[in-house]
Amino acid sequence: MAVSEAYKTFLQDILAGFGPVTIRAMFSGAGVYADGVMFAILVNDTLYLKADEAFGRDFAAEGKGPFLYRAKGGRPVAMSYYEVPERLLDDPDELALWARRAHGIALQAAKAKPKR
């Protein structure tokens, strides 16, 4: 589930239209951050964007689903991050639009969390 340095560099380049991002290692993947909020994850050199129910339908319309991992006992758990359609990796301008939407969803989720 590692993320290659080449893929991280590629993503920073194609997300330039979105704005500067920071990529931080987490578990066996990485988180993609902007303005201190994680709005995407990287797993196995694959980009997943944060989505709510409505945005998730846009991914489903493109044939893409949520990131799944196996919990203890082997049951699959779906996260609220959806695989980016391949075509967006060839269209940085449209990818930036999708990334902005994911970032907005991540900001809303962060605001909704109770403060400790």
PDB file of N, CA and C in Angstrom:
ATOM      1  N   MET A   1       0.808  -1.198   0.000  1.00  0.00           N
ATOM      2  CA  MET A   1       0.000   0.000   0.000  1.00  0.00           C
ATOM      3  C   MET A   1       0.854   1.267   0.000  1.00  0.00           C
ATOM      4  N   ALA A   2       2.087   1.136  -0.311  1.00  0.00           N
ATOM      5  CA  ALA A   2       2.981   2.287  -0.287  1.00  0.00           C
ATOM      6  C   ALA A   2       2.656   3.262  -1.410  1.00  0.00           C
ATOM      7  N   VAL A   3       3.092   4.485  -1.219  1.00  0.00           N
ATOM      8  CA  VAL A   3       2.924   5.534  -2.223  1.00  0.00           C
ATOM      9  C   VAL A   3       4.322   5.948  -2.664  1.00  0.00           C
ATOM     10  N   SER A   4       4.567   5.895  -3.971  1.00  0.00           N
ATOM     11  CA  SER A   4       5.897   6.219  -4.473  1.00  0.00           C
ATOM     12  C   SER A   4       6.146   7.726  -4.448  1.00  0.00           C
ATOM     13  N   GLU A   5       7.407   8.084  -4.315  1.00  0.00           N
ATOM     14  CA  GLU A   5       7.787   9.499  -4.354  1.00  0.00           C
ATOM     15  C   GLU A   5       7.443  10.103  -5.713  1.00  0.00           C
ATOM     16  N   ALA A   6       7.579   9.318  -6.775  1.00  0.00           N
ATOM     17  CA  ALA A   6       7.254   9.814  -8.115  1.00  0.00           C
ATOM     18  C   ALA A   6       5.770  10.169  -8.210  1.00  0.00           C
ATOM     19  N   TYR A   7       4.897   9.351  -7.602  1.00  0.00           N
ATOM     20  CA  TYR A   7       3.462   9.639  -7.647  1.00  0.00           C
ATOM     21  C   TYR A   7       3.131  10.881  -6.822  1.00  0.00           C
ATOM     22  N   LYS A   8       3.780  11.030  -5.678  1.00  0.00           N
ATOM     23  CA  LYS A   8       3.567  12.229  -4.861  1.00  0.00           C
ATOM     24  C   LYS A   8       3.947  13.487  -5.643  1.00  0.00           C
ATOM     25  N   THR A   9       5.083  13.449  -6.317  1.00  0.00           N
ATOM     26  CA  THR A   9       5.537  14.593  -7.116  1.00  0.00           C
ATOM     27  C   THR A   9       4.567  14.865  -8.260  1.00  0.00           C
ATOM     28  N   PHE A  10       4.121  13.804  -8.934  1.00  0.00           N
ATOM     29  CA  PHE A  10       3.146  13.930 -10.019  1.00  0.00           C
ATOM     30  C   PHE A  10       1.884  14.627  -9.515  1.00  0.00           C
ATOM     31  N   LEU A  11       1.372  14.211  -8.364  1.00  0.00           N
ATOM     32  CA  LEU A  11       0.143  14.809  -7.830  1.00  0.00           C
ATOM     33  C   LEU A  11       0.332  16.266  -7.448  1.00  0.00           C
ATOM     34  N   GLN A  12       1.456  16.588  -6.847  1.00  0.00           N
ATOM     35  CA  GLN A  12       1.701  17.991  -6.507  1.00  0.00           C
ATOM     36  C   GLN A  12       1.727  18.849  -7.775  1.00  0.00           C
ATOM     37  N   ASP A  13       2.257  18.293  -8.855  1.00  0.00           N
ATOM     38  CA  ASP A  13       2.299  19.016 -10.127  1.00  0.00           C
ATOM     39  C   ASP A  13       0.900  19.199 -10.713  1.00  0.00           C
ATOM     40  N   ILE A  14       0.107  18.120 -10.772  1.00  0.00           N
ATOM     41  CA  ILE A  14      -1.204  18.249 -11.415  1.00  0.00           C
ATOM     42  C   ILE A  14      -2.218  18.971 -10.529  1.00  0.00           C
ATOM     43  N   LEU A  15      -1.938  19.065  -9.239  1.00  0.00           N
ATOM     44  CA  LEU A  15      -2.829  19.816  -8.347  1.00  0.00           C
ATOM     45  C   LEU A  15      -2.419  21.284  -8.217  1.00  0.00           C
ATOM     46  N   ALA A  16      -1.450  21.706  -8.996  1.00  0.00           N
ATOM     47  CA  ALA A  16      -0.977  23.099  -8.918  1.00  0.00           C
ATOM     48  C   ALA A  16      -2.109  24.086  -9.183  1.00  0.00           C
ATOM     49  N   GLY A  17      -3.047  23.749 -10.052  1.00  0.00           N
ATOM     50  CA  GLY A  17      -4.188  24.622 -10.334  1.00  0.00           C
ATOM     51  C   GLY A  17      -5.133  24.745  -9.154  1.00  0.00           C
ATOM     52  N   PHE A  18      -5.133  23.760  -8.284  1.00  0.00           N
ATOM     53  CA  PHE A  18      -5.919  23.802  -7.045  1.00  0.00           C
ATOM     54  C   PHE A  18      -5.238  24.721  -6.046  1.00  0.00           C
ATOM     55  N   GLY A  19      -3.928  24.593  -5.958  1.00  0.00           N
ATOM     56  CA  GLY A  19      -3.140  25.359  -4.997  1.00  0.00           C
ATOM     57  C   GLY A  19      -2.121  24.455  -4.338  1.00  0.00           C
ATOM     58  N   PRO A  20      -1.313  25.002  -3.457  1.00  0.00           N
ATOM     59  CA  PRO A  20      -0.276  24.182  -2.827  1.00  0.00           C
ATOM     60  C   PRO A  20      -0.882  23.133  -1.903  1.00  0.00           C
ATOM     61  N   VAL A  21      -0.308  21.947  -1.950  1.00  0.00           N
ATOM     62  CA  VAL A  21      -0.734  20.864  -1.080  1.00  0.00           C
ATOM     63  C   VAL A  21       0.481  20.296  -0.353  1.00  0.00           C
ATOM     64  N   THR A  22       0.201  19.702   0.779  1.00  0.00           N
ATOM     65  CA  THR A  22       1.219  19.002   1.547  1.00  0.00           C
ATOM     66  C   THR A  22       0.819  17.536   1.590  1.00  0.00           C
ATOM     67  N   ILE A  23       1.778  16.666   1.389  1.00  0.00           N
ATOM     68  CA  ILE A  23       1.511  15.237   1.438  1.00  0.00           C
ATOM     69  C   ILE A  23       2.277  14.656   2.618  1.00  0.00           C
ATOM     70  N   ARG A  24       1.530  14.020   3.529  1.00  0.00           N
ATOM     71  CA  ARG A  24       2.126  13.450   4.740  1.00  0.00           C
ATOM     72  C   ARG A  24       1.851  11.959   4.804  1.00  0.00           C
ATOM     73  N   ALA A  25       2.896  11.203   5.144  1.00  0.00           N
ATOM     74  CA  ALA A  25       2.747   9.760   5.293  1.00  0.00           C
ATOM     75  C   ALA A  25       1.783   9.442   6.428  1.00  0.00           C
ATOM     76  N   MET A  26       0.954   8.439   6.216  1.00  0.00           N
ATOM     77  CA  MET A  26       0.071   7.937   7.256  1.00  0.00           C
ATOM     78  C   MET A  26      -0.171   6.461   6.991  1.00  0.00           C
ATOM     79  N   PHE A  27      -0.020   5.676   8.011  1.00  0.00           N
ATOM     80  CA  PHE A  27      -0.148   4.225   7.885  1.00  0.00           C
ATOM     81  C   PHE A  27       0.698   3.778   6.693  1.00  0.00           C
ATOM     82  N   SER A  28       0.117   3.103   5.725  1.00  0.00           N
ATOM     83  CA  SER A  28       0.917   2.688   4.571  1.00  0.00           C
ATOM     84  C   SER A  28       0.597   3.517   3.336  1.00  0.00           C
ATOM     85  N   GLY A  29      -0.097   4.631   3.523  1.00  0.00           N
ATOM     86  CA  GLY A  29      -0.421   5.542   2.428  1.00  0.00           C
ATOM     87  C   GLY A  29       0.020   6.935   2.785  1.00  0.00           C
ATOM     88  N   ALA A  30      -0.766   7.915   2.358  1.00  0.00           N
ATOM     89  CA  ALA A  30      -0.458   9.313   2.654  1.00  0.00           C
ATOM     90  C   ALA A  30      -1.744  10.130   2.635  1.00  0.00           C
ATOM     91  N   GLY A  31      -1.720  11.238   3.364  1.00  0.00           N
ATOM     92  CA  GLY A  31      -2.819  12.189   3.356  1.00  0.00           C
ATOM     93  C   GLY A  31      -2.407  13.412   2.565  1.00  0.00           C
ATOM     94  N   VAL A  32      -3.360  14.003   1.845  1.00  0.00           N
ATOM     95  CA  VAL A  32      -3.113  15.219   1.071  1.00  0.00           C
ATOM     96  C   VAL A  32      -3.855  16.347   1.781  1.00  0.00           C
ATOM     97  N   TYR A  33      -3.112  17.394   2.135  1.00  0.00           N
ATOM     98  CA  TYR A  33      -3.642  18.493   2.955  1.00  0.00           C
ATOM     99  C   TYR A  33      -3.553  19.827   2.227  1.00  0.00           C
ATOM    100  N   ALA A  34      -4.532  20.680   2.506  1.00  0.00           N
ATOM    101  CA  ALA A  34      -4.501  22.088   2.098  1.00  0.00           C
ATOM    102  C   ALA A  34      -5.156  22.865   3.227  1.00  0.00           C
ATOM    103  N   ASP A  35      -4.564  23.959   3.593  1.00  0.00           N
ATOM    104  CA  ASP A  35      -5.089  24.792   4.688  1.00  0.00           C
ATOM    105  C   ASP A  35      -5.263  23.993   5.975  1.00  0.00           C
ATOM    106  N   GLY A  36      -4.366  23.041   6.205  1.00  0.00           N
ATOM    107  CA  GLY A  36      -4.399  22.246   7.426  1.00  0.00           C
ATOM    108  C   GLY A  36      -5.467  21.176   7.476  1.00  0.00           C
ATOM    109  N   VAL A  37      -6.168  20.941   6.371  1.00  0.00           N
ATOM    110  CA  VAL A  37      -7.254  19.962   6.330  1.00  0.00           C
ATOM    111  C   VAL A  37      -6.930  18.881   5.300  1.00  0.00           C
ATOM    112  N   MET A  38      -7.105  17.616   5.712  1.00  0.00           N
ATOM    113  CA  MET A  38      -6.887  16.512   4.786  1.00  0.00           C
ATOM    114  C   MET A  38      -8.131  16.357   3.909  1.00  0.00           C
ATOM    115  N   PHE A  39      -7.941  16.496   2.600  1.00  0.00           N
ATOM    116  CA  PHE A  39      -9.057  16.390   1.669  1.00  0.00           C
ATOM    117  C   PHE A  39      -8.897  15.238   0.685  1.00  0.00           C
ATOM    118  N   ALA A  40      -7.796  14.528   0.775  1.00  0.00           N
ATOM    119  CA  ALA A  40      -7.554  13.397  -0.115  1.00  0.00           C
ATOM    120  C   ALA A  40      -6.596  12.426   0.555  1.00  0.00           C
ATOM    121  N   ILE A  41      -6.640  11.179   0.098  1.00  0.00           N
ATOM    122  CA  ILE A  41      -5.674  10.186   0.549  1.00  0.00           C
ATOM    123  C   ILE A  41      -5.044   9.532  -0.670  1.00  0.00           C
ATOM    124  N   LEU A  42      -3.857   9.005  -0.457  1.00  0.00           N
ATOM    125  CA  LEU A  42      -3.133   8.264  -1.486  1.00  0.00           C
ATOM    126  C   LEU A  42      -2.875   6.865  -0.953  1.00  0.00           C
ATOM    127  N   VAL A  43      -3.235   5.879  -1.747  1.00  0.00           N
ATOM    128  CA  VAL A  43      -2.990   4.485  -1.398  1.00  0.00           C
ATOM    129  C   VAL A  43      -2.612   3.755  -2.680  1.00  0.00           C
ATOM    130  N   ASN A  44      -1.503   3.026  -2.643  1.00  0.00           N
ATOM    131  CA  ASN A  44      -1.060   2.271  -3.821  1.00  0.00           C
ATOM    132  C   ASN A  44      -1.018   3.132  -5.080  1.00  0.00           C
ATOM    133  N   ASP A  45      -0.463   4.311  -4.969  1.00  0.00           N
ATOM    134  CA  ASP A  45      -0.368   5.237  -6.102  1.00  0.00           C
ATOM    135  C   ASP A  45      -1.729   5.489  -6.751  1.00  0.00           C
ATOM    136  N   THR A  46      -2.734   5.625  -5.914  1.00  0.00           N
ATOM    137  CA  THR A  46      -4.093   5.950  -6.349  1.00  0.00           C
ATOM    138  C   THR A  46      -4.586   7.103  -5.493  1.00  0.00           C
ATOM    139  N   LEU A  47      -5.224   8.079  -6.143  1.00  0.00           N
ATOM    140  CA  LEU A  47      -5.751   9.261  -5.461  1.00  0.00           C
ATOM    141  C   LEU A  47      -7.232   9.059  -5.144  1.00  0.00           C
ATOM    142  N   TYR A  48      -7.599   9.354  -3.904  1.00  0.00           N
ATOM    143  CA  TYR A  48      -8.987   9.309  -3.445  1.00  0.00           C
ATOM    144  C   TYR A  48      -9.324  10.679  -2.860  1.00  0.00           C
ATOM    145  N   LEU A  49     -10.470  11.249  -3.258  1.00  0.00           N
ATOM    146  CA  LEU A  49     -10.905  12.543  -2.737  1.00  0.00           C
ATOM    147  C   LEU A  49     -12.021  12.374  -1.721  1.00  0.00           C
ATOM    148  N   LYS A  50     -12.038  13.264  -0.733  1.00  0.00           N
ATOM    149  CA  LYS A  50     -13.089  13.294   0.287  1.00  0.00           C
ATOM    150  C   LYS A  50     -14.423  13.591  -0.399  1.00  0.00           C
ATOM    151  N   ALA A  51     -15.476  12.880   0.013  1.00  0.00           N
ATOM    152  CA  ALA A  51     -16.790  13.086  -0.596  1.00  0.00           C
ATOM    153  C   ALA A  51     -17.882  12.958   0.450  1.00  0.00           C
ATOM    154  N   ASP A  52     -18.963  13.674   0.206  1.00  0.00           N
ATOM    155  CA  ASP A  52     -20.184  13.486   0.978  1.00  0.00           C
ATOM    156  C   ASP A  52     -21.110  12.633   0.111  1.00  0.00           C
ATOM    157  N   GLU A  53     -22.343  12.468   0.540  1.00  0.00           N
ATOM    158  CA  GLU A  53     -23.263  11.606  -0.197  1.00  0.00           C
ATOM    159  C   GLU A  53     -23.495  12.096  -1.629  1.00  0.00           C
ATOM    160  N   ALA A  54     -23.722  13.393  -1.792  1.00  0.00           N
ATOM    161  CA  ALA A  54     -23.983  13.938  -3.125  1.00  0.00           C
ATOM    162  C   ALA A  54     -22.767  13.802  -4.036  1.00  0.00           C
ATOM    163  N   PHE A  55     -21.597  14.153  -3.536  1.00  0.00           N
ATOM    164  CA  PHE A  55     -20.378  14.059  -4.343  1.00  0.00           C
ATOM    165  C   PHE A  55     -20.069  12.597  -4.645  1.00  0.00           C
ATOM    166  N   GLY A  56     -20.366  11.714  -3.700  1.00  0.00           N
ATOM    167  CA  GLY A  56     -20.165  10.289  -3.920  1.00  0.00           C
ATOM    168  C   GLY A  56     -20.935   9.783  -5.134  1.00  0.00           C
ATOM    169  N   ARG A  57     -22.106  10.365  -5.383  1.00  0.00           N
ATOM    170  CA  ARG A  57     -22.886   9.972  -6.567  1.00  0.00           C
ATOM    171  C   ARG A  57     -22.172  10.364  -7.856  1.00  0.00           C
ATOM    172  N   ASP A  58     -21.427  11.468  -7.845  1.00  0.00           N
ATOM    173  CA  ASP A  58     -20.654  11.858  -9.028  1.00  0.00           C
ATOM    174  C   ASP A  58     -19.556  10.835  -9.320  1.00  0.00           C
ATOM    175  N   PHE A  59     -18.918  10.343  -8.275  1.00  0.00           N
ATOM    176  CA  PHE A  59     -17.901   9.305  -8.451  1.00  0.00           C
ATOM    177  C   PHE A  59     -18.546   8.023  -8.971  1.00  0.00           C
ATOM    178  N   ALA A  60     -19.688   7.657  -8.387  1.00  0.00           N
ATOM    179  CA  ALA A  60     -20.387   6.437  -8.808  1.00  0.00           C
ATOM    180  C   ALA A  60     -20.786   6.529 -10.280  1.00  0.00           C
ATOM    181  N   ALA A  61     -21.187   7.708 -10.729  1.00  0.00           N
ATOM    182  CA  ALA A  61     -21.556   7.900 -12.129  1.00  0.00           C
ATOM    183  C   ALA A  61     -20.361   7.671 -13.057  1.00  0.00           C
ATOM    184  N   GLU A  62     -19.157   7.826 -12.507  1.00  0.00           N
ATOM    185  CA  GLU A  62     -17.926   7.599 -13.273  1.00  0.00           C
ATOM    186  C   GLU A  62     -17.402   6.174 -13.063  1.00  0.00           C
ATOM    187  N   GLY A  63     -18.175   5.364 -12.343  1.00  0.00           N
ATOM    188  CA  GLY A  63     -17.776   3.977 -12.101  1.00  0.00           C
ATOM    189  C   GLY A  63     -16.768   3.810 -10.984  1.00  0.00           C
ATOM    190  N   LYS A  64     -16.658   4.792 -10.110  1.00  0.00           N
ATOM    191  CA  LYS A  64     -15.677   4.745  -9.021  1.00  0.00           C
ATOM    192  C   LYS A  64     -16.376   4.648  -7.671  1.00  0.00           C
ATOM    193  N   GLY A  65     -15.757   3.935  -6.758  1.00  0.00           N
ATOM    194  CA  GLY A  65     -16.334   3.748  -5.442  1.00  0.00           C
ATOM    195  C   GLY A  65     -15.412   4.234  -4.349  1.00  0.00           C
ATOM    196  N   PRO A  66     -15.837   4.040  -3.104  1.00  0.00           N
ATOM    197  CA  PRO A  66     -15.046   4.505  -1.965  1.00  0.00           C
ATOM    198  C   PRO A  66     -13.843   3.601  -1.693  1.00  0.00           C
ATOM    199  N   PHE A  67     -12.887   4.166  -0.978  1.00  0.00           N
ATOM    200  CA  PHE A  67     -11.753   3.383  -0.511  1.00  0.00           C
ATOM    201  C   PHE A  67     -12.270   2.407   0.548  1.00  0.00           C
ATOM    202  N   LEU A  68     -11.879   1.152   0.419  1.00  0.00           N
ATOM    203  CA  LEU A  68     -12.270   0.112   1.365  1.00  0.00           C
ATOM    204  C   LEU A  68     -11.044  -0.449   2.049  1.00  0.00           C
ATOM    205  N   TYR A  69     -11.171  -0.741   3.325  1.00  0.00           N
ATOM    206  CA  TYR A  69     -10.121  -1.468   4.030  1.00  0.00           C
ATOM    207  C   TYR A  69     -10.787  -2.555   4.851  1.00  0.00           C
ATOM    208  N   ARG A  70      -9.995  -3.497   5.299  1.00  0.00           N
ATOM    209  CA  ARG A  70     -10.512  -4.610   6.091  1.00  0.00           C
ATOM    210  C   ARG A  70     -10.268  -4.338   7.573  1.00  0.00           C
ATOM    211  N   ALA A  71     -11.341  -4.357   8.336  1.00  0.00           N
ATOM    212  CA  ALA A  71     -11.251  -4.172   9.781  1.00  0.00           C
ATOM    213  C   ALA A  71     -10.911  -5.514  10.424  1.00  0.00           C
ATOM    214  N   LYS A  72     -10.696  -5.489  11.731  1.00  0.00           N
ATOM    215  CA  LYS A  72     -10.472  -6.744  12.443  1.00  0.00           C
ATOM    216  C   LYS A  72     -11.629  -7.673  12.150  1.00  0.00           C
ATOM    217  N   GLY A  73     -11.321  -8.926  11.950  1.00  0.00           N
ATOM    218  CA  GLY A  73     -12.352  -9.885  11.607  1.00  0.00           C
ATOM    219  C   GLY A  73     -12.585  -9.980  10.109  1.00  0.00           C
ATOM    220  N   GLY A  74     -11.951  -9.088   9.333  1.00  0.00           N
ATOM    221  CA  GLY A  74     -12.021  -9.164   7.887  1.00  0.00           C
ATOM    222  C   GLY A  74     -13.194  -8.456   7.226  1.00  0.00           C
ATOM    223  N   ARG A  75     -14.031  -7.771   8.024  1.00  0.00           N
ATOM    224  CA  ARG A  75     -15.167  -7.102   7.392  1.00  0.00           C
ATOM    225  C   ARG A  75     -14.692  -5.837   6.681  1.00  0.00           C
ATOM    226  N   PRO A  76     -15.239  -5.583   5.463  1.00  0.00           N
ATOM    227  CA  PRO A  76     -14.834  -4.385   4.725  1.00  0.00           C
ATOM    228  C   PRO A  76     -15.475  -3.126   5.314  1.00  0.00           C
ATOM    229  N   VAL A  77     -14.686  -2.064   5.362  1.00  0.00           N
ATOM    230  CA  VAL A  77     -15.157  -0.776   5.858  1.00  0.00           C
ATOM    231  C   VAL A  77     -14.921   0.264   4.755  1.00  0.00           C
ATOM    232  N   ALA A  78     -15.980   0.976   4.390  1.00  0.00           N
ATOM    233  CA  ALA A  78     -15.863   2.023   3.366  1.00  0.00           C
ATOM    234  C   ALA A  78     -15.575   3.358   4.033  1.00  0.00           C
ATOM    235  N   MET A  79     -14.620   4.081   3.489  1.00  0.00           N
ATOM    236  CA  MET A  79     -14.309   5.423   3.973  1.00  0.00           C
ATOM    237  C   MET A  79     -14.990   6.442   3.068  1.00  0.00           C
ATOM    238  N   SER A  80     -14.989   7.696   3.475  1.00  0.00           N
ATOM    239  CA  SER A  80     -15.634   8.753   2.693  1.00  0.00           C
ATOM    240  C   SER A  80     -14.658   9.389   1.696  1.00  0.00           C
ATOM    241  N   TYR A  81     -13.757   8.576   1.172  1.00  0.00           N
ATOM    242  CA  TYR A  81     -12.808   9.003   0.142  1.00  0.00           C
ATOM    243  C   TYR A  81     -13.032   8.116  -1.077  1.00  0.00           C
ATOM    244  N   TYR A  82     -13.227   8.743  -2.236  1.00  0.00           N
ATOM    245  CA  TYR A  82     -13.553   8.011  -3.456  1.00  0.00           C
ATOM    246  C   TYR A  82     -12.425   8.103  -4.466  1.00  0.00           C
ATOM    247  N   GLU A  83     -12.234   6.995  -5.202  1.00  0.00           N
ATOM    248  CA  GLU A  83     -11.180   6.940  -6.211  1.00  0.00           C
ATOM    249  C   GLU A  83     -11.453   7.940  -7.327  1.00  0.00           C
ATOM    250  N   VAL A  84     -10.438   8.683  -7.682  1.00  0.00           N
ATOM    251  CA  VAL A  84     -10.541   9.695  -8.732  1.00  0.00           C
ATOM    252  C   VAL A  84     -10.586   9.001 -10.097  1.00  0.00           C
ATOM    253  N   PRO A  85     -11.538   9.383 -10.945  1.00  0.00           N
ATOM    254  CA  PRO A  85     -11.570   8.827 -12.301  1.00  0.00           C
ATOM    255  C   PRO A  85     -10.264   9.130 -13.042  1.00  0.00           C
ATOM    256  N   GLU A  86      -9.783   8.142 -13.770  1.00  0.00           N
ATOM    257  CA  GLU A  86      -8.514   8.272 -14.504  1.00  0.00           C
ATOM    258  C   GLU A  86      -8.481   9.515 -15.395  1.00  0.00           C
ATOM    259  N   ARG A  87      -9.600   9.839 -16.014  1.00  0.00           N
ATOM    260  CA  ARG A  87      -9.629  10.961 -16.952  1.00  0.00           C
ATOM    261  C   ARG A  87      -9.233  12.273 -16.286  1.00  0.00           C
ATOM    262  N   LEU A  88      -9.484  12.397 -14.976  1.00  0.00           N
ATOM    263  CA  LEU A  88      -9.134  13.636 -14.277  1.00  0.00           C
ATOM    264  C   LEU A  88      -7.627  13.797 -14.139  1.00  0.00           C
ATOM    265  N   LEU A  89      -6.902  12.697 -14.144  1.00  0.00           N
ATOM    266  CA  LEU A  89      -5.447  12.778 -14.040  1.00  0.00           C
ATOM    267  C   LEU A  89      -4.826  13.326 -15.323  1.00  0.00           C
ATOM    268  N   ASP A  90      -5.625  13.343 -16.396  1.00  0.00           N
ATOM    269  CA  ASP A  90      -5.183  13.920 -17.666  1.00  0.00           C
ATOM    270  C   ASP A  90      -5.750  15.317 -17.883  1.00  0.00           C
ATOM    271  N   ASP A  91      -6.526  15.814 -16.921  1.00  0.00           N
ATOM    272  CA  ASP A  91      -7.181  17.119 -17.050  1.00  0.00           C
ATOM    273  C   ASP A  91      -7.018  17.892 -15.731  1.00  0.00           C
ATOM    274  N   PRO A  92      -5.852  18.518 -15.529  1.00  0.00           N
ATOM    275  CA  PRO A  92      -5.591  19.219 -14.269  1.00  0.00           C
ATOM    276  C   PRO A  92      -6.617  20.285 -13.910  1.00  0.00           C
ATOM    277  N   ASP A  93      -7.203  20.944 -14.908  1.00  0.00           N
ATOM    278  CA  ASP A  93      -8.193  21.981 -14.610  1.00  0.00           C
ATOM    279  C   ASP A  93      -9.453  21.376 -13.982  1.00  0.00           C
ATOM    280  N   GLU A  94      -9.941  20.289 -14.556  1.00  0.00           N
ATOM    281  CA  GLU A  94     -11.120  19.649 -13.979  1.00  0.00           C
ATOM    282  C   GLU A  94     -10.778  18.980 -12.650  1.00  0.00           C
ATOM    283  N   LEU A  95      -9.583  18.400 -12.546  1.00  0.00           N
ATOM    284  CA  LEU A  95      -9.166  17.820 -11.275  1.00  0.00           C
ATOM    285  C   LEU A  95      -9.165  18.882 -10.185  1.00  0.00           C
ATOM    286  N   ALA A  96      -8.725  20.090 -10.516  1.00  0.00           N
ATOM    287  CA  ALA A  96      -8.711  21.181  -9.536  1.00  0.00           C
ATOM    288  C   ALA A  96     -10.126  21.486  -9.055  1.00  0.00           C
ATOM    289  N   LEU A  97     -11.118  21.430  -9.948  1.00  0.00           N
ATOM    290  CA  LEU A  97     -12.518  21.652  -9.552  1.00  0.00           C
ATOM    291  C   LEU A  97     -12.985  20.575  -8.575  1.00  0.00           C
ATOM    292  N   TRP A  98     -12.679  19.327  -8.879  1.00  0.00           N
ATOM    293  CA  TRP A  98     -13.073  18.222  -8.002  1.00  0.00           C
ATOM    294  C   TRP A  98     -12.334  18.344  -6.659  1.00  0.00           C
ATOM    295  N   ALA A  99     -11.058  18.729  -6.706  1.00  0.00           N
ATOM    296  CA  ALA A  99     -10.278  18.880  -5.473  1.00  0.00           C
ATOM    297  C   ALA A  99     -10.845  20.001  -4.607  1.00  0.00           C
ATOM    298  N   ARG A 100     -11.270  21.101  -5.226  1.00  0.00           N
ATOM    299  CA  ARG A 100     -11.884  22.202  -4.465  1.00  0.00           C
ATOM    300  C   ARG A 100     -13.167  21.734  -3.773  1.00  0.00           C
ATOM    301  N   ARG A 101     -13.935  20.938  -4.477  1.00  0.00           N
ATOM    302  CA  ARG A 101     -15.171  20.419  -3.874  1.00  0.00           C
ATOM    303  C   ARG A 101     -14.840  19.499  -2.696  1.00  0.00           C
ATOM    304  N   ALA A 102     -13.863  18.623  -2.879  1.00  0.00           N
ATOM    305  CA  ALA A 102     -13.446  17.722  -1.800  1.00  0.00           C
ATOM    306  C   ALA A 102     -12.908  18.519  -0.612  1.00  0.00           C
ATOM    307  N   HIS A 103     -12.144  19.565  -0.894  1.00  0.00           N
ATOM    308  CA  HIS A 103     -11.583  20.405   0.160  1.00  0.00           C
ATOM    309  C   HIS A 103     -12.710  21.085   0.941  1.00  0.00           C
ATOM    310  N   GLY A 104     -13.722  21.582   0.240  1.00  0.00           N
ATOM    311  CA  GLY A 104     -14.866  22.207   0.904  1.00  0.00           C
ATOM    312  C   GLY A 104     -15.598  21.221   1.805  1.00  0.00           C
ATOM    313  N   ILE A 105     -15.752  19.996   1.354  1.00  0.00           N
ATOM    314  CA  ILE A 105     -16.406  18.955   2.153  1.00  0.00           C
ATOM    315  C   ILE A 105     -15.568  18.649   3.388  1.00  0.00           C
ATOM    316  N   ALA A 106     -14.251  18.571   3.204  1.00  0.00           N
ATOM    317  CA  ALA A 106     -13.355  18.307   4.337  1.00  0.00           C
ATOM    318  C   ALA A 106     -13.398  19.449   5.349  1.00  0.00           C
ATOM    319  N   LEU A 107     -13.456  20.695   4.864  1.00  0.00           N
ATOM    320  CA  LEU A 107     -13.556  21.845   5.772  1.00  0.00           C
ATOM    321  C   LEU A 107     -14.855  21.786   6.584  1.00  0.00           C
ATOM    322  N   GLN A 108     -15.968  21.469   5.918  1.00  0.00           N
ATOM    323  CA  GLN A 108     -17.255  21.365   6.618  1.00  0.00           C
ATOM    324  C   GLN A 108     -17.212  20.262   7.672  1.00  0.00           C
ATOM    325  N   ALA A 109     -16.612  19.127   7.318  1.00  0.00           N
ATOM    326  CA  ALA A 109     -16.520  18.018   8.269  1.00  0.00           C
ATOM    327  C   ALA A 109     -15.675  18.407   9.481  1.00  0.00           C
ATOM    328  N   ALA A 110     -14.584  19.159   9.227  1.00  0.00           N
ATOM    329  CA  ALA A 110     -13.718  19.587  10.329  1.00  0.00           C
ATOM    330  C   ALA A 110     -14.453  20.554  11.250  1.00  0.00           C
ATOM    331  N   LYS A 111     -15.273  21.433  10.684  1.00  0.00           N
ATOM    332  CA  LYS A 111     -16.032  22.384  11.498  1.00  0.00           C
ATOM    333  C   LYS A 111     -17.108  21.679  12.329  1.00  0.00           C
ATOM    334  N   ALA A 112     -17.631  20.589  11.796  1.00  0.00           N
ATOM    335  CA  ALA A 112     -18.710  19.863  12.472  1.00  0.00           C
ATOM    336  C   ALA A 112     -18.215  19.011  13.645  1.00  0.00           C
ATOM    337  N   LYS A 113     -16.907  18.715  13.663  1.00  0.00           N
ATOM    338  CA  LYS A 113     -16.359  17.907  14.752  1.00  0.00           C
ATOM    339  C   LYS A 113     -16.361  18.696  16.048  1.00  0.00           C
ATOM    340  N   PRO A 114     -16.783  18.055  17.144  1.00  0.00           N
ATOM    341  CA  PRO A 114     -16.748  18.760  18.432  1.00  0.00           C
ATOM    342  C   PRO A 114     -15.290  19.020  18.850  1.00  0.00           C
ATOM    343  N   LYS A 115     -15.063  20.177  19.437  1.00  0.00           N
ATOM    344  CA  LYS A 115     -13.717  20.522  19.915  1.00  0.00           C
ATOM    345  C   LYS A 115     -13.438  19.813  21.218  1.00  0.00           C
ATOM    346  N   ARG A 116     -12.190  19.433  21.384  1.00  0.00           N
ATOM    347  CA  ARG A 116     -11.782  18.725  22.607  1.00  0.00           C
ATOM    348  C   ARG A 116     -11.471  19.695  23.715  1.00  0.00           C
TER     349      ARG A 116
END
